[in-house]
Amino acid sequence: MIFQVFLISFGISLLGTIPPATINITVMQLSLKKRARSAFFLSLGAAILDTMYAGLAVKVQKFLSEQIEVTNYFYLIAALVLIVLGIVSILAKPAKVEVKISDSQKVGFVKGVVLGALNPLAMPFWLGVTTYLQLQGLINLEGINYWSYILGVFLGELTLLAVVVKVGSRFQTVANNRTIVNLIPGIAFVLLGAINLYQWLSFYM
């Protein structure tokens, strides 16, 4: 189960970082300017913050699952979060970001931390995804599995951002493809949310 939890969180983190946003667009711009060092430390800072959001989401999800009055509505909560995330993805427009940053390890890392902290969708994303995965029995986050999940989230995002640094402008081709980065993930989230909503409704039929 430990390895399964790691692979699932790694894959979701990797795919979740593809849609163009401030962080990966900034990393791409730095790589085009031949500032790989700044790009790496910015990626590191952003990945750490996103991992903290994921860890917090797990704790929140666990707390909510222990509340009797909330437990009966857990499928509904997960469904609504996933559907909202899907709609946001479908309606999202291509991101065009220009961020000035000095070529130093410290400034790059701090900038990554700030950009990661200002990511408004990180917490609801990981809360919805974690809830869905646990409700479907795909992961168990007790004990060491929790740290396996967190490690997968961290390495998944860091890996994708490292790829962005390497491919540079070629990432823009993928980033501009709305079908790949917005429509397909958005539709998938809506469908997963609909499944959870159906499971919740089935309890009352």
C-alpha atoms as a PDB file:
ATOM      1  CA  MET A   1       0.000   0.000   0.000  1.00  0.00           C
ATOM      2  CA  ILE A   2       2.899   2.381   0.730  1.00  0.00           C
ATOM      3  CA  PHE A   3       4.178   2.204  -2.844  1.00  0.00           C
ATOM      4  CA  GLN A   4       0.650   2.439  -4.253  1.00  0.00           C
ATOM      5  CA  VAL A   5      -0.053   5.572  -2.209  1.00  0.00           C
ATOM      6  CA  PHE A   6       3.223   7.101  -3.419  1.00  0.00           C
ATOM      7  CA  LEU A   7       2.534   6.341  -7.082  1.00  0.00           C
ATOM      8  CA  ILE A   8      -0.998   7.741  -6.937  1.00  0.00           C
ATOM      9  CA  SER A   9       0.004  10.996  -5.219  1.00  0.00           C
ATOM     10  CA  PHE A  10       3.041  11.354  -7.500  1.00  0.00           C
ATOM     11  CA  GLY A  11       0.924  10.932 -10.619  1.00  0.00           C
ATOM     12  CA  ILE A  12      -1.803  13.316  -9.486  1.00  0.00           C
ATOM     13  CA  SER A  13       0.743  15.941  -8.425  1.00  0.00           C
ATOM     14  CA  LEU A  14       2.564  15.583 -11.753  1.00  0.00           C
ATOM     15  CA  LEU A  15      -0.604  15.965 -13.818  1.00  0.00           C
ATOM     16  CA  GLY A  16      -1.987  18.683 -11.573  1.00  0.00           C
ATOM     17  CA  THR A  17       1.038  20.880 -12.226  1.00  0.00           C
ATOM     18  CA  ILE A  18       0.658  20.816 -16.032  1.00  0.00           C
ATOM     19  CA  PRO A  19      -2.155  23.398 -16.390  1.00  0.00           C
ATOM     20  CA  PRO A  20      -0.498  26.794 -17.036  1.00  0.00           C
ATOM     21  CA  ALA A  21      -0.357  28.940 -13.926  1.00  0.00           C
ATOM     22  CA  THR A  22       1.929  31.520 -12.355  1.00  0.00           C
ATOM     23  CA  ILE A  23       4.441  28.977 -11.061  1.00  0.00           C
ATOM     24  CA  ASN A  24       5.092  26.824 -14.133  1.00  0.00           C
ATOM     25  CA  ILE A  25       4.911  29.772 -16.537  1.00  0.00           C
ATOM     26  CA  THR A  26       7.460  31.643 -14.395  1.00  0.00           C
ATOM     27  CA  VAL A  27       9.729  28.580 -14.335  1.00  0.00           C
ATOM     28  CA  MET A  28       9.445  28.340 -18.123  1.00  0.00           C
ATOM     29  CA  GLN A  29      10.356  32.022 -18.542  1.00  0.00           C
ATOM     30  CA  LEU A  30      13.392  31.632 -16.315  1.00  0.00           C
ATOM     31  CA  SER A  31      14.552  28.602 -18.278  1.00  0.00           C
ATOM     32  CA  LEU A  32      14.226  30.562 -21.538  1.00  0.00           C
ATOM     33  CA  LYS A  33      16.421  33.251 -20.018  1.00  0.00           C
ATOM     34  CA  LYS A  34      19.041  30.597 -19.192  1.00  0.00           C
ATOM     35  CA  ARG A  35      18.505  31.051 -15.469  1.00  0.00           C
ATOM     36  CA  ALA A  36      18.152  27.421 -14.523  1.00  0.00           C
ATOM     37  CA  ARG A  37      19.451  27.971 -10.987  1.00  0.00           C
ATOM     38  CA  SER A  38      16.704  30.451 -10.131  1.00  0.00           C
ATOM     39  CA  ALA A  39      14.139  28.234 -11.845  1.00  0.00           C
ATOM     40  CA  PHE A  40      15.188  25.222  -9.770  1.00  0.00           C
ATOM     41  CA  PHE A  41      15.031  27.015  -6.426  1.00  0.00           C
ATOM     42  CA  LEU A  42      11.719  28.645  -7.343  1.00  0.00           C
ATOM     43  CA  SER A  43      10.399  25.163  -8.174  1.00  0.00           C
ATOM     44  CA  LEU A  44      11.698  23.838  -4.861  1.00  0.00           C
ATOM     45  CA  GLY A  45       9.994  26.592  -2.872  1.00  0.00           C
ATOM     46  CA  ALA A  46       6.699  26.171  -4.731  1.00  0.00           C
ATOM     47  CA  ALA A  47       6.761  22.376  -4.347  1.00  0.00           C
ATOM     48  CA  ILE A  48       7.336  22.662  -0.595  1.00  0.00           C
ATOM     49  CA  LEU A  49       4.338  24.979  -0.185  1.00  0.00           C
ATOM     50  CA  ASP A  50       2.076  22.799  -2.315  1.00  0.00           C
ATOM     51  CA  THR A  51       3.139  19.773  -0.272  1.00  0.00           C
ATOM     52  CA  MET A  52       2.237  21.639   2.919  1.00  0.00           C
ATOM     53  CA  TYR A  53      -1.215  22.347   1.472  1.00  0.00           C
ATOM     54  CA  ALA A  54      -1.611  18.659   0.625  1.00  0.00           C
ATOM     55  CA  GLY A  55      -0.547  17.643   4.133  1.00  0.00           C
ATOM     56  CA  LEU A  56      -2.980  20.109   5.673  1.00  0.00           C
ATOM     57  CA  ALA A  57      -5.752  18.856   3.383  1.00  0.00           C
ATOM     58  CA  VAL A  58      -5.188  15.308   4.673  1.00  0.00           C
ATOM     59  CA  LYS A  59      -5.472  16.529   8.286  1.00  0.00           C
ATOM     60  CA  VAL A  60      -8.634  18.511   7.508  1.00  0.00           C
ATOM     61  CA  GLN A  61     -10.152  15.549   5.691  1.00  0.00           C
ATOM     62  CA  LYS A  62      -9.355  13.250   8.617  1.00  0.00           C
ATOM     63  CA  PHE A  63     -10.857  15.703  11.117  1.00  0.00           C
ATOM     64  CA  LEU A  64     -14.049  16.067   9.090  1.00  0.00           C
ATOM     65  CA  SER A  65     -14.378  12.311   8.659  1.00  0.00           C
ATOM     66  CA  GLU A  66     -14.404  11.922  12.454  1.00  0.00           C
ATOM     67  CA  GLN A  67     -17.327  14.314  12.863  1.00  0.00           C
ATOM     68  CA  ILE A  68     -20.528  12.248  12.932  1.00  0.00           C
ATOM     69  CA  GLU A  69     -22.702  15.078  11.634  1.00  0.00           C
ATOM     70  CA  VAL A  70     -20.331  15.603   8.689  1.00  0.00           C
ATOM     71  CA  THR A  71     -19.600  11.975   7.828  1.00  0.00           C
ATOM     72  CA  ASN A  72     -22.997  11.421   6.210  1.00  0.00           C
ATOM     73  CA  TYR A  73     -22.298  14.302   3.850  1.00  0.00           C
ATOM     74  CA  PHE A  74     -18.722  13.383   2.971  1.00  0.00           C
ATOM     75  CA  TYR A  75     -19.570  12.120  -0.499  1.00  0.00           C
ATOM     76  CA  LEU A  76     -21.500  15.338  -1.085  1.00  0.00           C
ATOM     77  CA  ILE A  77     -18.569  17.500   0.087  1.00  0.00           C
ATOM     78  CA  ALA A  78     -16.123  15.622  -2.147  1.00  0.00           C
ATOM     79  CA  ALA A  79     -18.561  15.795  -5.078  1.00  0.00           C
ATOM     80  CA  LEU A  80     -19.052  19.549  -4.811  1.00  0.00           C
ATOM     81  CA  VAL A  81     -15.318  20.258  -4.499  1.00  0.00           C
ATOM     82  CA  LEU A  82     -14.484  18.114  -7.544  1.00  0.00           C
ATOM     83  CA  ILE A  83     -17.291  19.566  -9.664  1.00  0.00           C
ATOM     84  CA  VAL A  84     -16.256  23.141  -8.815  1.00  0.00           C
ATOM     85  CA  LEU A  85     -12.607  22.351  -9.636  1.00  0.00           C
ATOM     86  CA  GLY A  86     -13.718  20.813 -12.924  1.00  0.00           C
ATOM     87  CA  ILE A  87     -15.801  23.830 -13.904  1.00  0.00           C
ATOM     88  CA  VAL A  88     -12.941  26.185 -12.980  1.00  0.00           C
ATOM     89  CA  SER A  89     -10.575  24.137 -15.172  1.00  0.00           C
ATOM     90  CA  ILE A  90     -12.977  24.073 -18.125  1.00  0.00           C
ATOM     91  CA  LEU A  91     -13.569  27.834 -17.976  1.00  0.00           C
ATOM     92  CA  ALA A  92      -9.910  28.745 -17.343  1.00  0.00           C
ATOM     93  CA  LYS A  93      -8.153  30.931 -19.887  1.00  0.00           C
ATOM     94  CA  PRO A  94      -4.482  30.528 -20.945  1.00  0.00           C
ATOM     95  CA  ALA A  95      -2.192  32.134 -18.395  1.00  0.00           C
ATOM     96  CA  LYS A  96       0.228  34.827 -19.478  1.00  0.00           C
ATOM     97  CA  VAL A  97       2.602  35.732 -16.700  1.00  0.00           C
ATOM     98  CA  GLU A  98       5.697  37.877 -16.619  1.00  0.00           C
ATOM     99  CA  VAL A  99       7.598  37.833 -13.353  1.00  0.00           C
ATOM    100  CA  LYS A 100      10.875  39.610 -12.732  1.00  0.00           C
ATOM    101  CA  ILE A 101      13.268  37.775 -10.477  1.00  0.00           C
ATOM    102  CA  SER A 102      16.975  38.126  -9.742  1.00  0.00           C
ATOM    103  CA  ASP A 103      19.297  35.230 -10.518  1.00  0.00           C
ATOM    104  CA  SER A 104      20.013  33.982  -6.996  1.00  0.00           C
ATOM    105  CA  GLN A 105      19.174  30.854  -5.031  1.00  0.00           C
ATOM    106  CA  LYS A 106      17.683  32.715  -2.053  1.00  0.00           C
ATOM    107  CA  VAL A 107      15.456  35.054  -4.069  1.00  0.00           C
ATOM    108  CA  GLY A 108      14.316  32.230  -6.341  1.00  0.00           C
ATOM    109  CA  PHE A 109      13.383  30.014  -3.385  1.00  0.00           C
ATOM    110  CA  VAL A 110      11.522  32.801  -1.562  1.00  0.00           C
ATOM    111  CA  LYS A 111       9.653  33.694  -4.754  1.00  0.00           C
ATOM    112  CA  GLY A 112       8.615  30.068  -5.138  1.00  0.00           C
ATOM    113  CA  VAL A 113       7.361  29.962  -1.555  1.00  0.00           C
ATOM    114  CA  VAL A 114       5.344  33.161  -2.068  1.00  0.00           C
ATOM    115  CA  LEU A 115       3.842  31.965  -5.365  1.00  0.00           C
ATOM    116  CA  GLY A 116       3.017  28.610  -3.795  1.00  0.00           C
ATOM    117  CA  ALA A 117       1.366  30.272  -0.798  1.00  0.00           C
ATOM    118  CA  LEU A 118      -0.752  32.473  -3.075  1.00  0.00           C
ATOM    119  CA  ASN A 119      -2.121  29.532  -5.049  1.00  0.00           C
ATOM    120  CA  PRO A 120      -5.870  29.714  -4.205  1.00  0.00           C
ATOM    121  CA  LEU A 121      -6.785  26.311  -5.643  1.00  0.00           C
ATOM    122  CA  ALA A 122      -4.116  24.208  -3.901  1.00  0.00           C
ATOM    123  CA  MET A 123      -6.052  23.526  -0.704  1.00  0.00           C
ATOM    124  CA  PRO A 124      -9.454  22.712  -2.271  1.00  0.00           C
ATOM    125  CA  PHE A 125      -7.701  20.652  -4.966  1.00  0.00           C
ATOM    126  CA  TRP A 126      -5.927  18.395  -2.489  1.00  0.00           C
ATOM    127  CA  LEU A 127      -8.923  18.264  -0.156  1.00  0.00           C
ATOM    128  CA  GLY A 128     -11.195  17.110  -2.973  1.00  0.00           C
ATOM    129  CA  VAL A 129      -8.697  14.663  -4.452  1.00  0.00           C
ATOM    130  CA  THR A 130      -7.704  13.178  -1.079  1.00  0.00           C
ATOM    131  CA  THR A 131     -11.326  12.769  -0.039  1.00  0.00           C
ATOM    132  CA  TYR A 132     -12.233  11.066  -3.315  1.00  0.00           C
ATOM    133  CA  LEU A 133      -9.259   8.674  -3.202  1.00  0.00           C
ATOM    134  CA  GLN A 134     -10.028   7.623   0.357  1.00  0.00           C
ATOM    135  CA  LEU A 135     -13.754   7.221  -0.222  1.00  0.00           C
ATOM    136  CA  GLN A 136     -12.992   4.941  -3.174  1.00  0.00           C
ATOM    137  CA  GLY A 137     -10.538   2.899  -1.104  1.00  0.00           C
ATOM    138  CA  LEU A 138      -7.617   3.700  -3.407  1.00  0.00           C
ATOM    139  CA  ILE A 139      -5.396   4.986  -0.615  1.00  0.00           C
ATOM    140  CA  ASN A 140      -5.009   4.621   3.141  1.00  0.00           C
ATOM    141  CA  LEU A 141      -3.216   7.486   4.850  1.00  0.00           C
ATOM    142  CA  GLU A 142      -2.634   5.969   8.263  1.00  0.00           C
ATOM    143  CA  GLY A 143       0.888   5.824   9.692  1.00  0.00           C
ATOM    144  CA  ILE A 144       3.747   5.820   7.214  1.00  0.00           C
ATOM    145  CA  ASN A 145       1.318   5.950   4.286  1.00  0.00           C
ATOM    146  CA  TYR A 146       0.732   9.605   5.120  1.00  0.00           C
ATOM    147  CA  TRP A 147       4.415  10.412   4.569  1.00  0.00           C
ATOM    148  CA  SER A 148       4.461   8.312   1.391  1.00  0.00           C
ATOM    149  CA  TYR A 149       1.537  10.391   0.111  1.00  0.00           C
ATOM    150  CA  ILE A 150       3.280  13.658   1.013  1.00  0.00           C
ATOM    151  CA  LEU A 151       6.543  12.545  -0.614  1.00  0.00           C
ATOM    152  CA  GLY A 152       4.678  11.655  -3.797  1.00  0.00           C
ATOM    153  CA  VAL A 153       3.055  15.099  -3.909  1.00  0.00           C
ATOM    154  CA  PHE A 154       6.407  16.836  -3.442  1.00  0.00           C
ATOM    155  CA  LEU A 155       8.349  14.789  -5.988  1.00  0.00           C
ATOM    156  CA  GLY A 156       5.519  14.887  -8.518  1.00  0.00           C
ATOM    157  CA  GLU A 157       5.407  18.674  -8.672  1.00  0.00           C
ATOM    158  CA  LEU A 158       9.182  19.036  -8.515  1.00  0.00           C
ATOM    159  CA  THR A 159       9.594  16.527 -11.358  1.00  0.00           C
ATOM    160  CA  LEU A 160       7.141  18.352 -13.623  1.00  0.00           C
ATOM    161  CA  LEU A 161       8.744  21.732 -12.932  1.00  0.00           C
ATOM    162  CA  ALA A 162      12.183  20.227 -13.604  1.00  0.00           C
ATOM    163  CA  VAL A 163      10.853  19.015 -16.963  1.00  0.00           C
ATOM    164  CA  VAL A 164       9.580  22.549 -17.665  1.00  0.00           C
ATOM    165  CA  VAL A 165      13.078  23.885 -17.013  1.00  0.00           C
ATOM    166  CA  LYS A 166      14.513  21.376 -19.492  1.00  0.00           C
ATOM    167  CA  VAL A 167      12.021  21.770 -22.316  1.00  0.00           C
ATOM    168  CA  GLY A 168      11.672  25.555 -22.025  1.00  0.00           C
ATOM    169  CA  SER A 169       9.578  27.024 -24.823  1.00  0.00           C
ATOM    170  CA  ARG A 170       8.272  23.594 -25.856  1.00  0.00           C
ATOM    171  CA  PHE A 171       6.226  23.579 -22.648  1.00  0.00           C
ATOM    172  CA  GLN A 172       4.301  26.555 -24.037  1.00  0.00           C
ATOM    173  CA  THR A 173       2.978  24.323 -26.824  1.00  0.00           C
ATOM    174  CA  VAL A 174       1.417  22.033 -24.242  1.00  0.00           C
ATOM    175  CA  ALA A 175       0.346  24.938 -22.033  1.00  0.00           C
ATOM    176  CA  ASN A 176      -1.569  26.525 -24.921  1.00  0.00           C
ATOM    177  CA  ASN A 177      -3.473  23.327 -25.688  1.00  0.00           C
ATOM    178  CA  ARG A 178      -6.737  23.848 -23.790  1.00  0.00           C
ATOM    179  CA  THR A 179      -7.928  20.319 -24.568  1.00  0.00           C
ATOM    180  CA  ILE A 180      -4.973  18.790 -22.721  1.00  0.00           C
ATOM    181  CA  VAL A 181      -4.586  21.167 -19.791  1.00  0.00           C
ATOM    182  CA  ASN A 182      -8.127  22.408 -19.195  1.00  0.00           C
ATOM    183  CA  LEU A 183     -10.914  20.476 -20.887  1.00  0.00           C
ATOM    184  CA  ILE A 184      -9.843  16.871 -20.265  1.00  0.00           C
ATOM    185  CA  PRO A 185      -8.893  17.376 -16.564  1.00  0.00           C
ATOM    186  CA  GLY A 186     -11.980  19.555 -16.058  1.00  0.00           C
ATOM    187  CA  ILE A 187     -14.331  16.963 -17.524  1.00  0.00           C
ATOM    188  CA  ALA A 188     -12.603  14.238 -15.483  1.00  0.00           C
ATOM    189  CA  PHE A 189     -13.134  16.202 -12.255  1.00  0.00           C
ATOM    190  CA  VAL A 190     -16.792  16.827 -13.090  1.00  0.00           C
ATOM    191  CA  LEU A 191     -17.322  13.122 -13.813  1.00  0.00           C
ATOM    192  CA  LEU A 192     -15.604  12.070 -10.583  1.00  0.00           C
ATOM    193  CA  GLY A 193     -17.707  14.599  -8.704  1.00  0.00           C
ATOM    194  CA  ALA A 194     -20.857  13.260 -10.383  1.00  0.00           C
ATOM    195  CA  ILE A 195     -19.941   9.728  -9.272  1.00  0.00           C
ATOM    196  CA  ASN A 196     -19.571  10.907  -5.676  1.00  0.00           C
ATOM    197  CA  LEU A 197     -22.843  12.809  -5.929  1.00  0.00           C
ATOM    198  CA  TYR A 198     -24.593   9.674  -7.208  1.00  0.00           C
ATOM    199  CA  GLN A 199     -23.131   7.620  -4.349  1.00  0.00           C
ATOM    200  CA  TRP A 200     -24.372  10.195  -1.842  1.00  0.00           C
ATOM    201  CA  LEU A 201     -27.847  10.270  -3.382  1.00  0.00           C
ATOM    202  CA  SER A 202     -27.989   6.469  -3.404  1.00  0.00           C
ATOM    203  CA  PHE A 203     -27.923   6.506   0.392  1.00  0.00           C
ATOM    204  CA  TYR A 204     -31.225   8.380   0.415  1.00  0.00           C
ATOM    205  CA  MET A 205     -33.057   6.466  -2.309  1.00  0.00           C
END
